[in-house]
């Protein structure tokens, strides 16, 4: 089964413009994401899925120079962008990665892939602490490419096209949705928010003593519990 990680990224964020190219401890945020996703041993290919908006030419140029695969599709119809990208790279299993998560970890992605394959569910996730004990921003979401195609055919509301897997969440009666806890109890930290959506989030991460290869265990050990 070919597993493709599709990293959703663009430069047009209204809350934090050009955030993918912001320097985080000496590297653009997108480099953190690609580098850490590539640590996943069960992912066959890593692709950055961005839009055809001209502003993203900068992102494509930067990534292409490093040999990172880039796919460009619709700006607002992210669901179609993902479908087209998955088809272009022959995906049988798709892992959706949000580039807002510079501390995503390949090991958490591998755990997610193993869980999904063993559980036999339609969709599995560990990127948010919803029904699990994961930190916010460490993991990802996964489903079969066949299901992604089905969702792309059936989802019609603009919000389901923009938030590409929200159609599945909106129809729990149709799809089996599963999650799980980290195997290491030290990572049971749903109090942690590690994503980067706002200037405040960027400041928080920029002032932390972190590096692109920091492990989740090292990360949580330096962060006191807030809840």
C-alpha atoms as a PDB file:
ATOM      1  CA  UNK A   1       0.000   0.000   0.000  1.00  0.00           C
ATOM      2  CA  UNK A   2       1.544   3.292  -1.079  1.00  0.00           C
ATOM      3  CA  UNK A   3       1.246   5.867   1.669  1.00  0.00           C
ATOM      4  CA  UNK A   4       1.631   9.523   0.738  1.00  0.00           C
ATOM      5  CA  UNK A   5       1.881  12.336   3.272  1.00  0.00           C
ATOM      6  CA  UNK A   6       0.298  15.493   1.879  1.00  0.00           C
ATOM      7  CA  UNK A   7       1.419  18.624   3.704  1.00  0.00           C
ATOM      8  CA  UNK A   8      -1.182  21.380   3.381  1.00  0.00           C
ATOM      9  CA  UNK A   9       0.661  24.693   3.125  1.00  0.00           C
ATOM     10  CA  UNK A  10       0.286  28.178   1.692  1.00  0.00           C
ATOM     11  CA  UNK A  11       1.625  31.684   2.202  1.00  0.00           C
ATOM     12  CA  UNK A  12      -1.701  33.520   2.254  1.00  0.00           C
ATOM     13  CA  UNK A  13      -2.677  33.118   5.903  1.00  0.00           C
ATOM     14  CA  UNK A  14      -4.609  36.159   7.152  1.00  0.00           C
ATOM     15  CA  UNK A  15      -3.675  35.655  10.824  1.00  0.00           C
ATOM     16  CA  UNK A  16       0.029  35.081  10.209  1.00  0.00           C
ATOM     17  CA  UNK A  17       1.003  36.002   6.620  1.00  0.00           C
ATOM     18  CA  UNK A  18       3.872  34.099   4.974  1.00  0.00           C
ATOM     19  CA  UNK A  19       4.195  31.921   8.069  1.00  0.00           C
ATOM     20  CA  UNK A  20       5.583  28.968   6.106  1.00  0.00           C
ATOM     21  CA  UNK A  21       8.676  31.011   5.296  1.00  0.00           C
ATOM     22  CA  UNK A  22       9.105  32.589   8.735  1.00  0.00           C
ATOM     23  CA  UNK A  23      12.415  31.692  10.345  1.00  0.00           C
ATOM     24  CA  UNK A  24      12.057  29.435  13.371  1.00  0.00           C
ATOM     25  CA  UNK A  25      15.444  29.009  15.032  1.00  0.00           C
ATOM     26  CA  UNK A  26      17.226  29.505  11.715  1.00  0.00           C
ATOM     27  CA  UNK A  27      15.016  27.448   9.387  1.00  0.00           C
ATOM     28  CA  UNK A  28      11.761  28.303   7.591  1.00  0.00           C
ATOM     29  CA  UNK A  29       8.748  26.725   9.284  1.00  0.00           C
ATOM     30  CA  UNK A  30       8.008  24.606   6.211  1.00  0.00           C
ATOM     31  CA  UNK A  31      11.489  23.063   6.487  1.00  0.00           C
ATOM     32  CA  UNK A  32      10.736  22.000  10.052  1.00  0.00           C
ATOM     33  CA  UNK A  33       7.546  20.309   8.905  1.00  0.00           C
ATOM     34  CA  UNK A  34       9.069  18.492   5.919  1.00  0.00           C
ATOM     35  CA  UNK A  35      12.113  17.383   7.904  1.00  0.00           C
ATOM     36  CA  UNK A  36      10.063  15.988  10.758  1.00  0.00           C
ATOM     37  CA  UNK A  37       7.457  14.300   8.533  1.00  0.00           C
ATOM     38  CA  UNK A  38      10.269  12.601   6.620  1.00  0.00           C
ATOM     39  CA  UNK A  39      11.204  10.795   9.832  1.00  0.00           C
ATOM     40  CA  UNK A  40       8.093   8.640   9.381  1.00  0.00           C
ATOM     41  CA  UNK A  41       9.322   5.252   8.192  1.00  0.00           C
ATOM     42  CA  UNK A  42       5.911   4.101   6.930  1.00  0.00           C
ATOM     43  CA  UNK A  43       5.423   7.064   4.573  1.00  0.00           C
ATOM     44  CA  UNK A  44       6.514   6.347   1.009  1.00  0.00           C
ATOM     45  CA  UNK A  45       6.379   9.907  -0.293  1.00  0.00           C
ATOM     46  CA  UNK A  46       6.129  13.390   1.201  1.00  0.00           C
ATOM     47  CA  UNK A  47       4.440  16.063  -0.923  1.00  0.00           C
ATOM     48  CA  UNK A  48       3.690  19.688  -0.113  1.00  0.00           C
ATOM     49  CA  UNK A  49       0.218  20.503  -1.467  1.00  0.00           C
ATOM     50  CA  UNK A  50      -0.099  24.230  -2.003  1.00  0.00           C
ATOM     51  CA  UNK A  51      -2.301  26.403  -4.176  1.00  0.00           C
ATOM     52  CA  UNK A  52      -1.884  27.938  -7.607  1.00  0.00           C
ATOM     53  CA  UNK A  53      -1.953  31.475  -6.180  1.00  0.00           C
ATOM     54  CA  UNK A  54       1.129  33.412  -7.438  1.00  0.00           C
ATOM     55  CA  UNK A  55       2.253  34.163  -3.863  1.00  0.00           C
ATOM     56  CA  UNK A  56       2.989  30.450  -3.461  1.00  0.00           C
ATOM     57  CA  UNK A  57       5.579  30.594  -6.250  1.00  0.00           C
ATOM     58  CA  UNK A  58       8.044  31.486  -3.480  1.00  0.00           C
ATOM     59  CA  UNK A  59       7.131  28.375  -1.543  1.00  0.00           C
ATOM     60  CA  UNK A  60       7.444  26.123  -4.580  1.00  0.00           C
ATOM     61  CA  UNK A  61      10.780  27.665  -5.560  1.00  0.00           C
ATOM     62  CA  UNK A  62      12.188  27.184  -2.066  1.00  0.00           C
ATOM     63  CA  UNK A  63      11.042  23.569  -1.772  1.00  0.00           C
ATOM     64  CA  UNK A  64      11.952  22.528  -5.312  1.00  0.00           C
ATOM     65  CA  UNK A  65      15.532  23.669  -4.784  1.00  0.00           C
ATOM     66  CA  UNK A  66      15.708  21.167  -1.925  1.00  0.00           C
ATOM     67  CA  UNK A  67      14.201  18.318  -3.908  1.00  0.00           C
ATOM     68  CA  UNK A  68      10.863  18.410  -2.065  1.00  0.00           C
ATOM     69  CA  UNK A  69       7.873  17.356  -4.158  1.00  0.00           C
ATOM     70  CA  UNK A  70       5.283  20.116  -4.615  1.00  0.00           C
ATOM     71  CA  UNK A  71       1.748  19.839  -5.977  1.00  0.00           C
ATOM     72  CA  UNK A  72      -0.337  22.900  -6.742  1.00  0.00           C
ATOM     73  CA  UNK A  73      -4.115  22.967  -6.880  1.00  0.00           C
ATOM     74  CA  UNK A  74      -7.134  25.124  -6.017  1.00  0.00           C
ATOM     75  CA  UNK A  75      -6.733  27.745  -3.285  1.00  0.00           C
ATOM     76  CA  UNK A  76     -10.110  27.435  -1.563  1.00  0.00           C
ATOM     77  CA  UNK A  77     -11.156  23.934  -2.649  1.00  0.00           C
ATOM     78  CA  UNK A  78      -8.565  22.177  -0.523  1.00  0.00           C
ATOM     79  CA  UNK A  79     -10.472  18.917  -0.767  1.00  0.00           C
ATOM     80  CA  UNK A  80     -10.030  18.888  -4.541  1.00  0.00           C
ATOM     81  CA  UNK A  81      -6.392  19.916  -4.148  1.00  0.00           C
ATOM     82  CA  UNK A  82      -5.825  16.865  -1.967  1.00  0.00           C
ATOM     83  CA  UNK A  83      -7.701  14.559  -4.307  1.00  0.00           C
ATOM     84  CA  UNK A  84      -5.674  15.734  -7.280  1.00  0.00           C
ATOM     85  CA  UNK A  85      -2.402  15.481  -5.354  1.00  0.00           C
ATOM     86  CA  UNK A  86      -3.185  11.981  -4.117  1.00  0.00           C
ATOM     87  CA  UNK A  87      -4.044  10.870  -7.629  1.00  0.00           C
ATOM     88  CA  UNK A  88      -0.907  12.457  -9.081  1.00  0.00           C
ATOM     89  CA  UNK A  89       1.317  10.512  -6.686  1.00  0.00           C
ATOM     90  CA  UNK A  90      -0.530   7.202  -6.804  1.00  0.00           C
ATOM     91  CA  UNK A  91      -1.593   7.275  -3.166  1.00  0.00           C
ATOM     92  CA  UNK A  92      -3.509   4.359  -1.686  1.00  0.00           C
ATOM     93  CA  UNK A  93      -3.362   5.752   1.839  1.00  0.00           C
ATOM     94  CA  UNK A  94      -3.260   9.495   2.441  1.00  0.00           C
ATOM     95  CA  UNK A  95      -1.839  11.169   5.536  1.00  0.00           C
ATOM     96  CA  UNK A  96      -2.959  14.778   5.869  1.00  0.00           C
ATOM     97  CA  UNK A  97      -0.417  16.997   7.569  1.00  0.00           C
ATOM     98  CA  UNK A  98      -1.114  20.604   8.468  1.00  0.00           C
ATOM     99  CA  UNK A  99       1.964  22.776   7.947  1.00  0.00           C
ATOM    100  CA  UNK A 100       0.855  24.837  10.959  1.00  0.00           C
ATOM    101  CA  UNK A 101       2.466  22.077  13.043  1.00  0.00           C
ATOM    102  CA  UNK A 102       6.249  22.613  12.990  1.00  0.00           C
ATOM    103  CA  UNK A 103       6.694  20.098  15.833  1.00  0.00           C
ATOM    104  CA  UNK A 104       4.854  17.259  14.131  1.00  0.00           C
ATOM    105  CA  UNK A 105       6.785  14.031  14.606  1.00  0.00           C
ATOM    106  CA  UNK A 106       7.441  11.142  12.223  1.00  0.00           C
ATOM    107  CA  UNK A 107       7.062   8.599  15.003  1.00  0.00           C
ATOM    108  CA  UNK A 108       3.562   9.865  15.784  1.00  0.00           C
ATOM    109  CA  UNK A 109       2.699   9.543  12.093  1.00  0.00           C
ATOM    110  CA  UNK A 110       3.990   5.962  12.051  1.00  0.00           C
ATOM    111  CA  UNK A 111       1.869   5.178  15.128  1.00  0.00           C
ATOM    112  CA  UNK A 112      -1.149   6.652  13.348  1.00  0.00           C
ATOM    113  CA  UNK A 113      -0.565   4.612  10.194  1.00  0.00           C
ATOM    114  CA  UNK A 114      -0.171   1.387  12.173  1.00  0.00           C
ATOM    115  CA  UNK A 115      -3.304   2.132  14.184  1.00  0.00           C
ATOM    116  CA  UNK A 116      -5.407   2.855  11.074  1.00  0.00           C
ATOM    117  CA  UNK A 117      -4.255  -0.298   9.322  1.00  0.00           C
ATOM    118  CA  UNK A 118      -4.918  -2.482  12.371  1.00  0.00           C
ATOM    119  CA  UNK A 119      -8.211  -0.880  13.413  1.00  0.00           C
ATOM    120  CA  UNK A 120      -9.901  -1.218  10.039  1.00  0.00           C
ATOM    121  CA  UNK A 121     -11.600   2.150  10.485  1.00  0.00           C
ATOM    122  CA  UNK A 122     -12.398   4.711   7.797  1.00  0.00           C
ATOM    123  CA  UNK A 123     -10.501   7.600   9.332  1.00  0.00           C
ATOM    124  CA  UNK A 124      -8.026   7.917  12.194  1.00  0.00           C
ATOM    125  CA  UNK A 125      -6.310  10.906  13.786  1.00  0.00           C
ATOM    126  CA  UNK A 126      -3.896  11.946  16.512  1.00  0.00           C
ATOM    127  CA  UNK A 127      -3.239  15.587  15.591  1.00  0.00           C
ATOM    128  CA  UNK A 128      -5.630  17.078  18.131  1.00  0.00           C
ATOM    129  CA  UNK A 129      -6.549  16.086  21.721  1.00  0.00           C
ATOM    130  CA  UNK A 130     -10.116  15.105  20.927  1.00  0.00           C
ATOM    131  CA  UNK A 131     -10.967  11.841  22.636  1.00  0.00           C
ATOM    132  CA  UNK A 132      -7.277  11.124  23.185  1.00  0.00           C
ATOM    133  CA  UNK A 133      -4.326  12.362  25.237  1.00  0.00           C
ATOM    134  CA  UNK A 134      -2.099  13.657  22.432  1.00  0.00           C
ATOM    135  CA  UNK A 135      -0.657  17.175  22.439  1.00  0.00           C
ATOM    136  CA  UNK A 136      -2.182  19.480  19.843  1.00  0.00           C
ATOM    137  CA  UNK A 137       0.148  19.489  16.827  1.00  0.00           C
ATOM    138  CA  UNK A 138       2.192  16.297  17.169  1.00  0.00           C
ATOM    139  CA  UNK A 139       0.298  13.974  14.828  1.00  0.00           C
ATOM    140  CA  UNK A 140      -1.800  13.848  11.670  1.00  0.00           C
ATOM    141  CA  UNK A 141      -4.938  12.395  10.038  1.00  0.00           C
ATOM    142  CA  UNK A 142      -5.228   9.425   7.700  1.00  0.00           C
ATOM    143  CA  UNK A 143      -7.678   7.658   5.393  1.00  0.00           C
ATOM    144  CA  UNK A 144      -7.672   5.659   2.191  1.00  0.00           C
ATOM    145  CA  UNK A 145      -7.406   7.461  -1.116  1.00  0.00           C
ATOM    146  CA  UNK A 146     -10.630   5.709  -2.151  1.00  0.00           C
ATOM    147  CA  UNK A 147     -12.440   7.384   0.747  1.00  0.00           C
ATOM    148  CA  UNK A 148     -10.852  10.728  -0.098  1.00  0.00           C
ATOM    149  CA  UNK A 149     -12.264  10.362  -3.622  1.00  0.00           C
ATOM    150  CA  UNK A 150     -15.698   9.519  -2.219  1.00  0.00           C
ATOM    151  CA  UNK A 151     -15.677  12.560   0.050  1.00  0.00           C
ATOM    152  CA  UNK A 152     -14.571  14.754  -2.857  1.00  0.00           C
ATOM    153  CA  UNK A 153     -17.545  13.528  -4.884  1.00  0.00           C
ATOM    154  CA  UNK A 154     -20.125  14.000  -2.160  1.00  0.00           C
ATOM    155  CA  UNK A 155     -19.082  17.085  -0.191  1.00  0.00           C
ATOM    156  CA  UNK A 156     -20.790  20.167  -1.589  1.00  0.00           C
ATOM    157  CA  UNK A 157     -20.786  22.767   1.196  1.00  0.00           C
ATOM    158  CA  UNK A 158     -18.012  25.392   0.901  1.00  0.00           C
ATOM    159  CA  UNK A 159     -16.776  24.694   4.435  1.00  0.00           C
ATOM    160  CA  UNK A 160     -16.354  21.012   3.609  1.00  0.00           C
ATOM    161  CA  UNK A 161     -14.386  21.881   0.476  1.00  0.00           C
ATOM    162  CA  UNK A 162     -12.112  24.294   2.345  1.00  0.00           C
ATOM    163  CA  UNK A 163     -11.647  22.128   5.459  1.00  0.00           C
ATOM    164  CA  UNK A 164     -11.021  19.038   3.451  1.00  0.00           C
ATOM    165  CA  UNK A 165     -11.830  16.228   5.891  1.00  0.00           C
ATOM    166  CA  UNK A 166     -14.572  17.984   7.856  1.00  0.00           C
ATOM    167  CA  UNK A 167     -17.222  16.140   5.805  1.00  0.00           C
ATOM    168  CA  UNK A 168     -16.188  12.941   7.588  1.00  0.00           C
ATOM    169  CA  UNK A 169     -16.567  14.573  11.002  1.00  0.00           C
ATOM    170  CA  UNK A 170     -19.977  15.883   9.944  1.00  0.00           C
ATOM    171  CA  UNK A 171     -21.198  12.351   9.161  1.00  0.00           C
ATOM    172  CA  UNK A 172     -20.206  10.045  12.049  1.00  0.00           C
ATOM    173  CA  UNK A 173     -23.166   7.844  11.157  1.00  0.00           C
ATOM    174  CA  UNK A 174     -21.521   6.997   7.829  1.00  0.00           C
ATOM    175  CA  UNK A 175     -17.870   6.715   8.772  1.00  0.00           C
ATOM    176  CA  UNK A 176     -15.940   5.000  11.535  1.00  0.00           C
ATOM    177  CA  UNK A 177     -13.700   7.588  13.204  1.00  0.00           C
ATOM    178  CA  UNK A 178     -11.056   6.367  15.640  1.00  0.00           C
ATOM    179  CA  UNK A 179      -8.223   7.732  17.727  1.00  0.00           C
ATOM    180  CA  UNK A 180      -5.855   6.469  20.410  1.00  0.00           C
ATOM    181  CA  UNK A 181      -3.432   7.578  23.121  1.00  0.00           C
ATOM    182  CA  UNK A 182       0.369   7.786  22.885  1.00  0.00           C
ATOM    183  CA  UNK A 183       2.053   4.564  24.003  1.00  0.00           C
ATOM    184  CA  UNK A 184       4.424   6.578  26.210  1.00  0.00           C
ATOM    185  CA  UNK A 185       2.547   8.010  29.237  1.00  0.00           C
ATOM    186  CA  UNK A 186       4.999  10.939  29.266  1.00  0.00           C
ATOM    187  CA  UNK A 187       3.345  12.105  26.046  1.00  0.00           C
ATOM    188  CA  UNK A 188      -0.122  12.172  27.589  1.00  0.00           C
ATOM    189  CA  UNK A 189      -0.183  15.968  27.329  1.00  0.00           C
ATOM    190  CA  UNK A 190      -3.479  17.222  25.877  1.00  0.00           C
ATOM    191  CA  UNK A 191      -2.754  20.497  27.684  1.00  0.00           C
ATOM    192  CA  UNK A 192      -0.038  21.358  25.138  1.00  0.00           C
ATOM    193  CA  UNK A 193      -0.745  23.454  22.043  1.00  0.00           C
ATOM    194  CA  UNK A 194       2.172  23.092  19.629  1.00  0.00           C
ATOM    195  CA  UNK A 195       0.667  24.444  16.411  1.00  0.00           C
ATOM    196  CA  UNK A 196       1.379  27.877  14.955  1.00  0.00           C
ATOM    197  CA  UNK A 197      -1.685  29.843  13.887  1.00  0.00           C
ATOM    198  CA  UNK A 198      -1.068  33.335  15.254  1.00  0.00           C
ATOM    199  CA  UNK A 199       1.782  35.776  15.990  1.00  0.00           C
ATOM    200  CA  UNK A 200       1.500  34.766  19.650  1.00  0.00           C
ATOM    201  CA  UNK A 201       2.006  31.103  18.717  1.00  0.00           C
ATOM    202  CA  UNK A 202       5.069  32.038  16.657  1.00  0.00           C
ATOM    203  CA  UNK A 203       6.529  34.078  19.512  1.00  0.00           C
ATOM    204  CA  UNK A 204       5.959  31.167  21.918  1.00  0.00           C
ATOM    205  CA  UNK A 205       7.803  28.692  19.680  1.00  0.00           C
ATOM    206  CA  UNK A 206      10.535  31.157  18.718  1.00  0.00           C
ATOM    207  CA  UNK A 207      11.395  31.738  22.373  1.00  0.00           C
ATOM    208  CA  UNK A 208      11.525  28.041  23.236  1.00  0.00           C
ATOM    209  CA  UNK A 209      14.868  26.243  23.420  1.00  0.00           C
ATOM    210  CA  UNK A 210      14.070  23.823  20.591  1.00  0.00           C
ATOM    211  CA  UNK A 211      15.722  22.527  17.418  1.00  0.00           C
ATOM    212  CA  UNK A 212      14.352  20.769  14.299  1.00  0.00           C
ATOM    213  CA  UNK A 213      15.256  17.285  15.549  1.00  0.00           C
ATOM    214  CA  UNK A 214      13.937  17.587  19.091  1.00  0.00           C
ATOM    215  CA  UNK A 215      11.988  14.505  20.112  1.00  0.00           C
ATOM    216  CA  UNK A 216       8.528  14.670  21.670  1.00  0.00           C
ATOM    217  CA  UNK A 217       9.960  13.226  24.880  1.00  0.00           C
ATOM    218  CA  UNK A 218      12.561  15.991  25.086  1.00  0.00           C
ATOM    219  CA  UNK A 219       9.918  18.567  24.250  1.00  0.00           C
ATOM    220  CA  UNK A 220       7.350  17.610  26.880  1.00  0.00           C
ATOM    221  CA  UNK A 221      10.055  17.275  29.542  1.00  0.00           C
ATOM    222  CA  UNK A 222      10.811  20.976  29.240  1.00  0.00           C
ATOM    223  CA  UNK A 223       7.186  22.128  29.338  1.00  0.00           C
ATOM    224  CA  UNK A 224       5.344  22.250  32.652  1.00  0.00           C
ATOM    225  CA  UNK A 225       1.779  21.068  32.784  1.00  0.00           C
ATOM    226  CA  UNK A 226      -0.797  23.837  32.491  1.00  0.00           C
ATOM    227  CA  UNK A 227      -3.794  21.695  33.358  1.00  0.00           C
END
